[in-house]
Every structure is written in C-alpha cells, then in structure tokens.
Amino acid sequence: MPKFVLDKYALDSQKSEAKAKVVSELGSNASVSGNVIEVPSYNATKVAQILSQVGIKYSGG
C-alpha cells in the first residue's frame, strides 16, 4: 500500500483538511496516522489529486 508522508512544515489546518478530504472520499480504504496516509494502490492517484488541491507537499505515494 502506498504511503504519503505529509510535509511536516505544512500548516496543521492544511494537513487536517487534506486528511479529512481523503477519509471523506475513500472511507475505510484510507488509513491515517499522524502525517502518514496509507491507501490501496488503486486509490493513490486520488490521494495525490486531493493533496495537490489542498496545496500540501508530500513524499512517497
């Protein structure tokens, strides 16, 4: 499962918004722990799109 590690220097409000959108869109397919979002590989593109929309930099994916 791809892991997206959110930029530790991003605003907490941005990270919270991004995580909420991922969970809202993917539900139980998304696992969020701290600054790490884990999803099945078939949802990786969707997560990358959400993070780009919110303006969060990330590594992995």
PDB file of N, CA and C in Angstrom:
ATOM      1  N   MET A   1       0.848  -1.189   0.000  1.00  0.00           N
ATOM      2  CA  MET A   1       0.000   0.000   0.000  1.00  0.00           C
ATOM      3  C   MET A   1       0.885   1.240   0.000  1.00  0.00           C
ATOM      4  N   PRO A   2       0.627   2.141  -0.939  1.00  0.00           N
ATOM      5  CA  PRO A   2       1.412   3.387  -0.983  1.00  0.00           C
ATOM      6  C   PRO A   2       1.211   4.235   0.271  1.00  0.00           C
ATOM      7  N   LYS A   3       2.304   4.854   0.707  1.00  0.00           N
ATOM      8  CA  LYS A   3       2.263   5.756   1.858  1.00  0.00           C
ATOM      9  C   LYS A   3       2.582   7.164   1.381  1.00  0.00           C
ATOM     10  N   PHE A   4       1.774   8.107   1.808  1.00  0.00           N
ATOM     11  CA  PHE A   4       2.004   9.524   1.547  1.00  0.00           C
ATOM     12  C   PHE A   4       2.394  10.164   2.871  1.00  0.00           C
ATOM     13  N   VAL A   5       3.581  10.725   2.940  1.00  0.00           N
ATOM     14  CA  VAL A   5       4.041  11.398   4.155  1.00  0.00           C
ATOM     15  C   VAL A   5       3.908  12.898   3.924  1.00  0.00           C
ATOM     16  N   LEU A   6       3.048  13.535   4.706  1.00  0.00           N
ATOM     17  CA  LEU A   6       2.781  14.962   4.527  1.00  0.00           C
ATOM     18  C   LEU A   6       3.951  15.797   5.028  1.00  0.00           C
ATOM     19  N   ASP A   7       4.151  16.932   4.374  1.00  0.00           N
ATOM     20  CA  ASP A   7       5.222  17.867   4.734  1.00  0.00           C
ATOM     21  C   ASP A   7       5.059  18.303   6.186  1.00  0.00           C
ATOM     22  N   LYS A   8       6.094  18.076   6.987  1.00  0.00           N
ATOM     23  CA  LYS A   8       5.991  18.417   8.412  1.00  0.00           C
ATOM     24  C   LYS A   8       5.933  19.919   8.645  1.00  0.00           C
ATOM     25  N   TYR A   9       6.290  20.722   7.636  1.00  0.00           N
ATOM     26  CA  TYR A   9       6.264  22.174   7.788  1.00  0.00           C
ATOM     27  C   TYR A   9       4.954  22.798   7.299  1.00  0.00           C
ATOM     28  N   ALA A  10       4.052  21.982   6.770  1.00  0.00           N
ATOM     29  CA  ALA A  10       2.757  22.494   6.316  1.00  0.00           C
ATOM     30  C   ALA A  10       1.919  22.894   7.534  1.00  0.00           C
ATOM     31  N   LEU A  11       1.013  23.825   7.313  1.00  0.00           N
ATOM     32  CA  LEU A  11       0.122  24.256   8.392  1.00  0.00           C
ATOM     33  C   LEU A  11      -0.743  23.092   8.861  1.00  0.00           C
ATOM     34  N   ASP A  12      -0.959  23.016  10.163  1.00  0.00           N
ATOM     35  CA  ASP A  12      -1.795  21.946  10.714  1.00  0.00           C
ATOM     36  C   ASP A  12      -3.196  21.977  10.116  1.00  0.00           C
ATOM     37  N   SER A  13      -3.716  23.183   9.872  1.00  0.00           N
ATOM     38  CA  SER A  13      -5.061  23.290   9.307  1.00  0.00           C
ATOM     39  C   SER A  13      -5.114  22.691   7.903  1.00  0.00           C
ATOM     40  N   GLN A  14      -4.049  22.885   7.121  1.00  0.00           N
ATOM     41  CA  GLN A  14      -3.994  22.298   5.778  1.00  0.00           C
ATOM     42  C   GLN A  14      -3.913  20.778   5.862  1.00  0.00           C
ATOM     43  N   LYS A  15      -3.082  20.288   6.771  1.00  0.00           N
ATOM     44  CA  LYS A  15      -2.949  18.837   6.918  1.00  0.00           C
ATOM     45  C   LYS A  15      -4.274  18.224   7.370  1.00  0.00           C
ATOM     46  N   SER A  16      -4.951  18.884   8.289  1.00  0.00           N
ATOM     47  CA  SER A  16      -6.240  18.386   8.773  1.00  0.00           C
ATOM     48  C   SER A  16      -7.264  18.358   7.650  1.00  0.00           C
ATOM     49  N   GLU A  17      -7.280  19.418   6.845  1.00  0.00           N
ATOM     50  CA  GLU A  17      -8.210  19.479   5.715  1.00  0.00           C
ATOM     51  C   GLU A  17      -7.925  18.353   4.726  1.00  0.00           C
ATOM     52  N   ALA A  18      -6.660  18.144   4.417  1.00  0.00           N
ATOM     53  CA  ALA A  18      -6.276  17.101   3.465  1.00  0.00           C
ATOM     54  C   ALA A  18      -6.682  15.723   3.979  1.00  0.00           C
ATOM     55  N   LYS A  19      -6.391  15.452   5.250  1.00  0.00           N
ATOM     56  CA  LYS A  19      -6.729  14.143   5.818  1.00  0.00           C
ATOM     57  C   LYS A  19      -8.241  13.939   5.845  1.00  0.00           C
ATOM     58  N   ALA A  20      -8.984  14.984   6.182  1.00  0.00           N
ATOM     59  CA  ALA A  20     -10.442  14.881   6.219  1.00  0.00           C
ATOM     60  C   ALA A  20     -11.007  14.597   4.831  1.00  0.00           C
ATOM     61  N   LYS A  21     -10.454  15.254   3.812  1.00  0.00           N
ATOM     62  CA  LYS A  21     -10.934  15.022   2.446  1.00  0.00           C
ATOM     63  C   LYS A  21     -10.632  13.605   1.985  1.00  0.00           C
ATOM     64  N   VAL A  22      -9.448  13.110   2.318  1.00  0.00           N
ATOM     65  CA  VAL A  22      -9.080  11.743   1.928  1.00  0.00           C
ATOM     66  C   VAL A  22     -10.033  10.742   2.578  1.00  0.00           C
ATOM     67  N   VAL A  23     -10.277  10.898   3.874  1.00  0.00           N
ATOM     68  CA  VAL A  23     -11.171   9.984   4.583  1.00  0.00           C
ATOM     69  C   VAL A  23     -12.597  10.112   4.055  1.00  0.00           C
ATOM     70  N   SER A  24     -13.023  11.334   3.759  1.00  0.00           N
ATOM     71  CA  SER A  24     -14.362  11.561   3.229  1.00  0.00           C
ATOM     72  C   SER A  24     -14.547  10.863   1.881  1.00  0.00           C
ATOM     73  N   GLU A  25     -13.536  10.950   1.034  1.00  0.00           N
ATOM     74  CA  GLU A  25     -13.631  10.368  -0.315  1.00  0.00           C
ATOM     75  C   GLU A  25     -13.430   8.855  -0.314  1.00  0.00           C
ATOM     76  N   LEU A  26     -12.508   8.363   0.512  1.00  0.00           N
ATOM     77  CA  LEU A  26     -12.125   6.955   0.431  1.00  0.00           C
ATOM     78  C   LEU A  26     -12.630   6.100   1.585  1.00  0.00           C
ATOM     79  N   GLY A  27     -13.103   6.740   2.640  1.00  0.00           N
ATOM     80  CA  GLY A  27     -13.650   5.998   3.775  1.00  0.00           C
ATOM     81  C   GLY A  27     -12.654   5.028   4.382  1.00  0.00           C
ATOM     82  N   SER A  28     -13.086   3.789   4.555  1.00  0.00           N
ATOM     83  CA  SER A  28     -12.251   2.797   5.238  1.00  0.00           C
ATOM     84  C   SER A  28     -11.069   2.327   4.392  1.00  0.00           C
ATOM     85  N   ASN A  29     -11.012   2.744   3.120  1.00  0.00           N
ATOM     86  CA  ASN A  29      -9.855   2.394   2.286  1.00  0.00           C
ATOM     87  C   ASN A  29      -8.627   3.207   2.659  1.00  0.00           C
ATOM     88  N   ALA A  30      -8.808   4.256   3.442  1.00  0.00           N
ATOM     89  CA  ALA A  30      -7.690   5.122   3.821  1.00  0.00           C
ATOM     90  C   ALA A  30      -7.321   4.893   5.283  1.00  0.00           C
ATOM     91  N   SER A  31      -6.027   4.831   5.530  1.00  0.00           N
ATOM     92  CA  SER A  31      -5.521   4.722   6.892  1.00  0.00           C
ATOM     93  C   SER A  31      -4.682   5.966   7.171  1.00  0.00           C
ATOM     94  N   VAL A  32      -5.076   6.725   8.189  1.00  0.00           N
ATOM     95  CA  VAL A  32      -4.378   7.966   8.519  1.00  0.00           C
ATOM     96  C   VAL A  32      -3.786   7.844   9.915  1.00  0.00           C
ATOM     97  N   SER A  33      -2.496   8.109  10.011  1.00  0.00           N
ATOM     98  CA  SER A  33      -1.815   8.073  11.302  1.00  0.00           C
ATOM     99  C   SER A  33      -0.781   9.187  11.330  1.00  0.00           C
ATOM    100  N   GLY A  34      -1.028  10.198  12.141  1.00  0.00           N
ATOM    101  CA  GLY A  34      -0.110  11.338  12.195  1.00  0.00           C
ATOM    102  C   GLY A  34      -0.030  12.029  10.848  1.00  0.00           C
ATOM    103  N   ASN A  35       1.172  12.121  10.299  1.00  0.00           N
ATOM    104  CA  ASN A  35       1.371  12.766   9.000  1.00  0.00           C
ATOM    105  C   ASN A  35       1.436  11.761   7.856  1.00  0.00           C
ATOM    106  N   VAL A  36       1.001  10.530   8.105  1.00  0.00           N
ATOM    107  CA  VAL A  36       1.089   9.478   7.088  1.00  0.00           C
ATOM    108  C   VAL A  36      -0.311   9.036   6.669  1.00  0.00           C
ATOM    109  N   ILE A  37      -0.527   9.001   5.351  1.00  0.00           N
ATOM    110  CA  ILE A  37      -1.774   8.493   4.785  1.00  0.00           C
ATOM    111  C   ILE A  37      -1.416   7.254   3.976  1.00  0.00           C
ATOM    112  N   GLU A  38      -2.080   6.142   4.277  1.00  0.00           N
ATOM    113  CA  GLU A  38      -1.843   4.893   3.557  1.00  0.00           C
ATOM    114  C   GLU A  38      -3.131   4.484   2.862  1.00  0.00           C
ATOM    115  N   VAL A  39      -3.025   4.140   1.581  1.00  0.00           N
ATOM    116  CA  VAL A  39      -4.196   3.734   0.806  1.00  0.00           C
ATOM    117  C   VAL A  39      -3.821   2.575  -0.110  1.00  0.00           C
ATOM    118  N   PRO A  40      -4.817   1.818  -0.582  1.00  0.00           N
ATOM    119  CA  PRO A  40      -4.528   0.805  -1.593  1.00  0.00           C
ATOM    120  C   PRO A  40      -3.990   1.482  -2.856  1.00  0.00           C
ATOM    121  N   SER A  41      -3.178   0.763  -3.607  1.00  0.00           N
ATOM    122  CA  SER A  41      -2.519   1.369  -4.773  1.00  0.00           C
ATOM    123  C   SER A  41      -3.514   1.935  -5.787  1.00  0.00           C
ATOM    124  N   TYR A  42      -4.696   1.336  -5.906  1.00  0.00           N
ATOM    125  CA  TYR A  42      -5.668   1.846  -6.875  1.00  0.00           C
ATOM    126  C   TYR A  42      -6.270   3.190  -6.458  1.00  0.00           C
ATOM    127  N   ASN A  43      -6.045   3.636  -5.227  1.00  0.00           N
ATOM    128  CA  ASN A  43      -6.524   4.944  -4.770  1.00  0.00           C
ATOM    129  C   ASN A  43      -5.413   5.987  -4.687  1.00  0.00           C
ATOM    130  N   ALA A  44      -4.189   5.612  -5.021  1.00  0.00           N
ATOM    131  CA  ALA A  44      -3.045   6.519  -4.866  1.00  0.00           C
ATOM    132  C   ALA A  44      -3.198   7.789  -5.695  1.00  0.00           C
ATOM    133  N   THR A  45      -3.687   7.667  -6.914  1.00  0.00           N
ATOM    134  CA  THR A  45      -3.850   8.842  -7.775  1.00  0.00           C
ATOM    135  C   THR A  45      -4.842   9.821  -7.166  1.00  0.00           C
ATOM    136  N   LYS A  46      -5.920   9.305  -6.606  1.00  0.00           N
ATOM    137  CA  LYS A  46      -6.940  10.158  -5.989  1.00  0.00           C
ATOM    138  C   LYS A  46      -6.351  10.933  -4.808  1.00  0.00           C
ATOM    139  N   VAL A  47      -5.537  10.272  -3.996  1.00  0.00           N
ATOM    140  CA  VAL A  47      -4.915  10.937  -2.849  1.00  0.00           C
ATOM    141  C   VAL A  47      -3.972  12.031  -3.335  1.00  0.00           C
ATOM    142  N   ALA A  48      -3.185  11.742  -4.356  1.00  0.00           N
ATOM    143  CA  ALA A  48      -2.265  12.742  -4.906  1.00  0.00           C
ATOM    144  C   ALA A  48      -3.036  13.963  -5.401  1.00  0.00           C
ATOM    145  N   GLN A  49      -4.180  13.736  -6.042  1.00  0.00           N
ATOM    146  CA  GLN A  49      -5.012  14.850  -6.517  1.00  0.00           C
ATOM    147  C   GLN A  49      -5.533  15.679  -5.351  1.00  0.00           C
ATOM    148  N   ILE A  50      -6.006  15.032  -4.312  1.00  0.00           N
ATOM    149  CA  ILE A  50      -6.538  15.742  -3.145  1.00  0.00           C
ATOM    150  C   ILE A  50      -5.442  16.584  -2.492  1.00  0.00           C
ATOM    151  N   LEU A  51      -4.264  15.996  -2.309  1.00  0.00           N
ATOM    152  CA  LEU A  51      -3.170  16.731  -1.671  1.00  0.00           C
ATOM    153  C   LEU A  51      -2.746  17.926  -2.517  1.00  0.00           C
ATOM    154  N   SER A  52      -2.774  17.775  -3.824  1.00  0.00           N
ATOM    155  CA  SER A  52      -2.434  18.894  -4.710  1.00  0.00           C
ATOM    156  C   SER A  52      -3.480  20.000  -4.616  1.00  0.00           C
ATOM    157  N   GLN A  53      -4.751  19.615  -4.558  1.00  0.00           N
ATOM    158  CA  GLN A  53      -5.834  20.599  -4.445  1.00  0.00           C
ATOM    159  C   GLN A  53      -5.692  21.418  -3.169  1.00  0.00           C
ATOM    160  N   VAL A  54      -5.354  20.759  -2.077  1.00  0.00           N
ATOM    161  CA  VAL A  54      -5.222  21.437  -0.789  1.00  0.00           C
ATOM    162  C   VAL A  54      -3.921  22.242  -0.729  1.00  0.00           C
ATOM    163  N   GLY A  55      -2.944  21.837  -1.530  1.00  0.00           N
ATOM    164  CA  GLY A  55      -1.669  22.552  -1.566  1.00  0.00           C
ATOM    165  C   GLY A  55      -0.645  22.013  -0.587  1.00  0.00           C
ATOM    166  N   ILE A  56      -0.719  20.720  -0.317  1.00  0.00           N
ATOM    167  CA  ILE A  56       0.205  20.075   0.623  1.00  0.00           C
ATOM    168  C   ILE A  56       1.309  19.363  -0.148  1.00  0.00           C
ATOM    169  N   LYS A  57       2.536  19.581   0.264  1.00  0.00           N
ATOM    170  CA  LYS A  57       3.652  18.827  -0.298  1.00  0.00           C
ATOM    171  C   LYS A  57       3.740  17.500   0.448  1.00  0.00           C
ATOM    172  N   TYR A  58       4.201  16.473  -0.250  1.00  0.00           N
ATOM    173  CA  TYR A  58       4.299  15.152   0.364  1.00  0.00           C
ATOM    174  C   TYR A  58       5.441  14.370  -0.266  1.00  0.00           C
ATOM    175  N   SER A  59       5.825  13.314   0.402  1.00  0.00           N
ATOM    176  CA  SER A  59       6.792  12.387  -0.177  1.00  0.00           C
ATOM    177  C   SER A  59       6.141  11.015  -0.222  1.00  0.00           C
ATOM    178  N   GLY A  60       6.673  10.150  -1.050  1.00  0.00           N
ATOM    179  CA  GLY A  60       6.098   8.820  -1.204  1.00  0.00           C
ATOM    180  C   GLY A  60       4.958   8.836  -2.185  1.00  0.00           C
ATOM    181  N   GLY A  61       4.080   7.864  -2.038  1.00  0.00           N
ATOM    182  CA  GLY A  61       2.931   7.801  -2.920  1.00  0.00           C
ATOM    183  C   GLY A  61       2.983   6.688  -3.900  1.00  0.00           C
TER     184      GLY A  61
END
